Protein backbone atom coordinates (compact mmCIF):
# COMPACT_ATOMS: atom_id res chain seq x y z
CA MET A 1 3.77 203.85 303.31
CA ARG A 2 1.12 202.27 301.13
CA ASP A 3 3.58 199.65 299.84
CA SER A 4 4.60 198.73 303.39
CA ASP A 5 0.94 198.40 304.42
CA GLU A 6 0.26 196.15 301.44
CA THR A 7 3.32 194.07 302.27
CA ARG A 8 2.19 193.67 305.88
CA LYS A 9 -1.27 192.59 304.73
CA GLY A 10 0.26 190.15 302.28
CA ILE A 11 2.41 188.60 304.99
CA LEU A 12 -0.59 188.23 307.33
CA ALA A 13 -2.65 186.68 304.54
CA ALA A 14 0.17 184.25 303.74
CA LEU A 15 0.36 183.22 307.39
CA GLY A 16 -3.38 182.57 307.42
CA ARG A 17 -3.21 180.37 304.34
CA LEU A 18 -0.35 178.34 305.77
CA LEU A 19 -2.06 177.90 309.13
CA ALA A 20 -5.20 176.61 307.43
CA GLU A 21 -3.25 174.24 305.17
CA LYS A 22 -0.46 172.96 307.43
CA GLY A 23 -1.18 173.87 311.04
CA PHE A 24 0.89 175.74 313.57
CA ASN A 25 3.78 173.28 313.87
CA GLN A 26 4.63 173.49 310.17
CA VAL A 27 4.69 177.29 309.99
CA GLY A 28 7.76 179.47 310.55
CA ILE A 29 9.34 182.68 309.31
CA ASN A 30 10.87 180.98 306.25
CA SER A 31 7.65 179.30 305.12
CA VAL A 32 5.65 182.52 305.60
CA ALA A 33 8.24 184.48 303.61
CA ARG A 34 8.06 181.94 300.76
CA GLU A 35 4.26 181.96 300.75
CA ALA A 36 4.15 185.77 300.77
CA GLY A 37 6.87 186.08 298.15
CA VAL A 38 9.03 188.35 300.31
CA ASP A 39 12.43 188.23 301.94
CA LYS A 40 12.22 187.05 305.55
CA VAL A 41 14.07 190.21 306.56
CA LEU A 42 10.84 192.11 305.87
CA ILE A 43 8.95 189.95 308.35
CA TYR A 44 11.48 190.80 311.03
CA ARG A 45 11.35 194.49 310.04
CA TYR A 46 7.56 194.76 310.17
CA PHE A 47 6.78 192.30 312.97
CA GLY A 48 10.01 191.73 314.89
CA GLY A 49 9.61 187.97 314.73
CA MET A 50 7.12 185.11 314.82
CA ALA A 51 5.57 185.97 318.19
CA GLN A 52 4.52 189.47 317.13
CA LEU A 53 3.45 188.21 313.72
CA LEU A 54 1.07 185.78 315.44
CA ARG A 55 -0.26 188.52 317.73
CA ASP A 56 -0.87 190.84 314.80
CA PHE A 57 -2.58 188.05 312.88
CA ALA A 58 -4.96 187.47 315.78
CA VAL A 59 -5.93 191.15 315.90
CA GLN A 60 -5.44 192.51 312.38
CA GLY A 61 -5.46 189.56 310.03
CA GLY A 62 -9.16 189.66 309.27
CA PHE A 63 -9.34 186.35 311.11
CA TRP A 64 -11.98 187.55 313.54
CA PRO A 65 -14.77 190.09 312.86
CA THR A 66 -14.73 193.47 314.54
CA ILE A 67 -17.43 194.48 317.00
CA SER A 68 -18.89 196.79 314.38
CA GLN A 69 -19.10 193.91 311.90
CA LEU A 70 -20.78 191.69 314.47
CA ALA A 71 -23.33 194.42 315.16
CA GLY A 72 -23.99 194.97 311.47
CA GLY A 73 -22.56 198.48 311.77
CA GLN A 74 -25.03 199.44 314.49
CA LEU A 75 -23.23 199.89 317.79
CA GLN A 76 -25.82 202.21 319.31
CA GLY A 77 -29.58 202.39 319.35
CA PHE A 78 -30.55 198.92 320.50
CA ARG A 79 -33.75 199.26 322.46
CA THR A 80 -33.47 196.14 324.60
CA LEU A 81 -30.83 193.71 325.78
CA ALA A 82 -32.53 190.92 323.83
CA GLU A 83 -32.38 192.97 320.63
CA ALA A 84 -28.69 193.78 321.12
CA GLY A 85 -27.82 190.18 322.04
CA THR A 86 -29.71 188.84 319.03
CA ALA A 87 -27.89 191.24 316.70
CA MET A 88 -24.48 190.31 318.07
CA LEU A 89 -25.07 186.56 318.06
CA ASN A 90 -26.57 186.55 314.59
CA GLY A 91 -23.66 188.75 313.54
CA HIS A 92 -21.35 186.03 314.82
CA LEU A 93 -23.29 183.48 312.76
CA ARG A 94 -23.13 185.63 309.62
CA GLU A 95 -19.46 186.59 309.95
CA LEU A 96 -18.22 183.11 310.86
CA ARG A 97 -20.05 181.56 307.90
CA ALA A 98 -18.38 184.11 305.63
CA ARG A 99 -14.85 183.23 306.83
CA PRO A 100 -13.77 179.75 305.63
CA LEU A 101 -10.20 180.37 306.81
CA THR A 102 -11.42 181.26 310.29
CA GLN A 103 -13.49 178.08 310.34
CA GLU A 104 -10.46 175.97 309.41
CA ILE A 105 -8.29 177.51 312.11
CA MET A 106 -11.04 177.15 314.72
CA ARG A 107 -11.44 173.46 313.85
CA TRP A 108 -7.73 173.09 314.34
CA GLU A 109 -7.91 174.99 317.66
CA LEU A 110 -10.24 172.33 319.02
CA HIS A 111 -7.49 169.71 319.10
CA GLU A 112 -4.30 171.73 319.58
CA ARG A 113 -3.20 174.44 321.97
CA ASN A 114 -0.21 176.63 321.22
CA GLU A 115 1.00 180.24 321.19
CA LEU A 116 -1.36 181.23 318.39
CA THR A 117 -4.47 179.56 319.80
CA ASP A 118 -3.79 181.26 323.13
CA GLU A 119 -3.43 184.64 321.41
CA LEU A 120 -6.61 184.16 319.40
CA ALA A 121 -8.51 183.12 322.52
CA ARG A 122 -7.26 186.19 324.41
CA HIS A 123 -8.35 188.43 321.57
CA ARG A 124 -11.83 186.89 321.41
CA GLU A 125 -12.24 187.03 325.18
CA GLN A 126 -11.25 190.70 325.27
CA GLN A 127 -13.70 191.44 322.50
CA GLY A 128 -16.43 189.59 324.41
CA ILE A 129 -15.80 191.75 327.47
CA GLU A 130 -16.04 194.87 325.32
CA ILE A 131 -19.31 193.67 323.80
CA MET A 132 -20.82 192.96 327.21
CA ALA A 133 -19.94 196.52 328.27
CA LEU A 134 -21.79 197.90 325.22
CA LEU A 135 -25.03 196.04 325.89
CA PRO A 136 -27.89 198.12 327.28
CA ASN A 137 -28.98 197.62 330.88
CA ASP A 138 -32.30 195.85 331.20
CA GLU A 139 -33.90 195.48 334.63
CA LYS A 140 -36.23 192.82 333.26
CA ALA A 141 -33.21 190.60 332.68
CA ALA A 142 -31.61 191.16 336.09
CA HIS A 143 -32.33 187.55 337.06
CA VAL A 144 -30.39 186.15 334.08
CA ASP A 145 -26.67 185.37 333.87
CA VAL A 146 -26.41 187.10 330.51
CA ALA A 147 -22.79 186.12 329.87
CA ALA A 148 -23.49 182.43 330.49
CA ALA A 149 -26.65 182.47 328.37
CA ALA A 150 -24.80 184.17 325.52
CA ALA A 151 -21.90 181.72 325.86
CA ILE A 152 -24.24 178.74 325.40
CA ILE A 153 -25.85 180.20 322.27
CA HIS A 154 -22.53 181.47 320.90
CA ALA A 155 -20.96 178.03 321.37
CA GLY A 156 -23.93 176.35 319.68
CA ILE A 157 -23.63 178.64 316.67
CA THR A 158 -19.89 178.05 316.47
CA TYR A 159 -20.29 174.28 316.66
CA LEU A 160 -22.94 174.18 313.92
CA VAL A 161 -20.88 176.34 311.57
CA LEU A 162 -17.80 174.17 312.12
CA ARG A 163 -19.83 170.95 311.93
CA GLN A 164 -21.24 171.77 308.49
CA LYS A 165 -17.98 170.59 306.92
CA THR A 166 -18.69 167.01 307.97
CA ALA A 167 -22.48 166.96 308.39
CA ASP A 168 -25.22 168.09 306.03
CA VAL A 169 -27.99 167.92 308.62
CA TYR A 170 -28.15 168.43 312.37
CA LEU A 171 -31.36 167.43 314.20
CA GLY A 172 -33.26 167.85 310.96
CA VAL A 173 -31.85 171.31 310.21
CA ASP A 174 -30.22 171.52 306.78
CA LEU A 175 -26.72 172.97 307.23
CA THR A 176 -26.16 173.16 303.48
CA SER A 177 -28.92 175.64 302.68
CA ASP A 178 -29.65 179.29 303.44
CA GLU A 179 -33.09 178.16 304.58
CA GLY A 180 -31.56 176.00 307.28
CA TRP A 181 -29.36 178.84 308.53
CA LEU A 182 -32.33 181.20 308.49
CA ARG A 183 -34.10 178.76 310.83
CA ILE A 184 -31.11 178.91 313.16
CA SER A 185 -30.96 182.70 312.99
CA LYS A 186 -34.65 183.04 313.84
CA SER A 187 -34.22 180.62 316.71
CA VAL A 188 -31.38 182.72 318.12
CA ALA A 189 -33.80 185.65 318.35
CA HIS A 190 -36.45 183.44 319.97
CA LEU A 191 -33.98 182.08 322.54
CA MET A 192 -32.72 185.55 323.43
CA ARG A 193 -36.24 186.85 323.96
CA ALA A 194 -37.10 183.81 326.08
CA ALA A 195 -33.91 184.03 328.16
CA LEU A 196 -34.01 187.76 328.73
CA GLY A 197 -37.71 188.21 329.35
CA PRO A 198 -39.21 188.88 332.78
CA GLU A 199 -38.85 186.16 335.39
CA GLU A 200 -42.01 184.16 335.92
């Protein structure tokens, strides 16, 4: 069982490398088998074919962080909605920065739509719904469209992380240094407190 699990992981990792290097249109069962160093029969045995392999990559390939990883291991105990939102959004910042392969595939997603990008988007959207359900209720934030506010901040974080490959600085914030990213992280907390505070 352990060998089969390792083989599955190796195949998923090989797919990720090929996607980052060549893009979706250049990847098939044969190229994945070569990259993983396995017979293509094993891919059919473990995944049934390319469609299921892509679905499993979206969910299991380590491509996208789990909810627990986004929350820093703390899924319970947030006192306020702003605290929970800050933790999740800064978790997104931390986890995305730590995943160069994910960054490459997300850059590629911006200019191409296909079976894999649709599967990855479905997975992320489902996870977002699950996260929203975990957030504590906060009457003080009843006037705020929390999902829309989080989407704006989440998209800004994503853009900055992806942009760092081709830009060292953005509006004076250094994207090449930990100090610059700490500024962004602190600002996420400030924006969440401002957005989710009581209505004036």
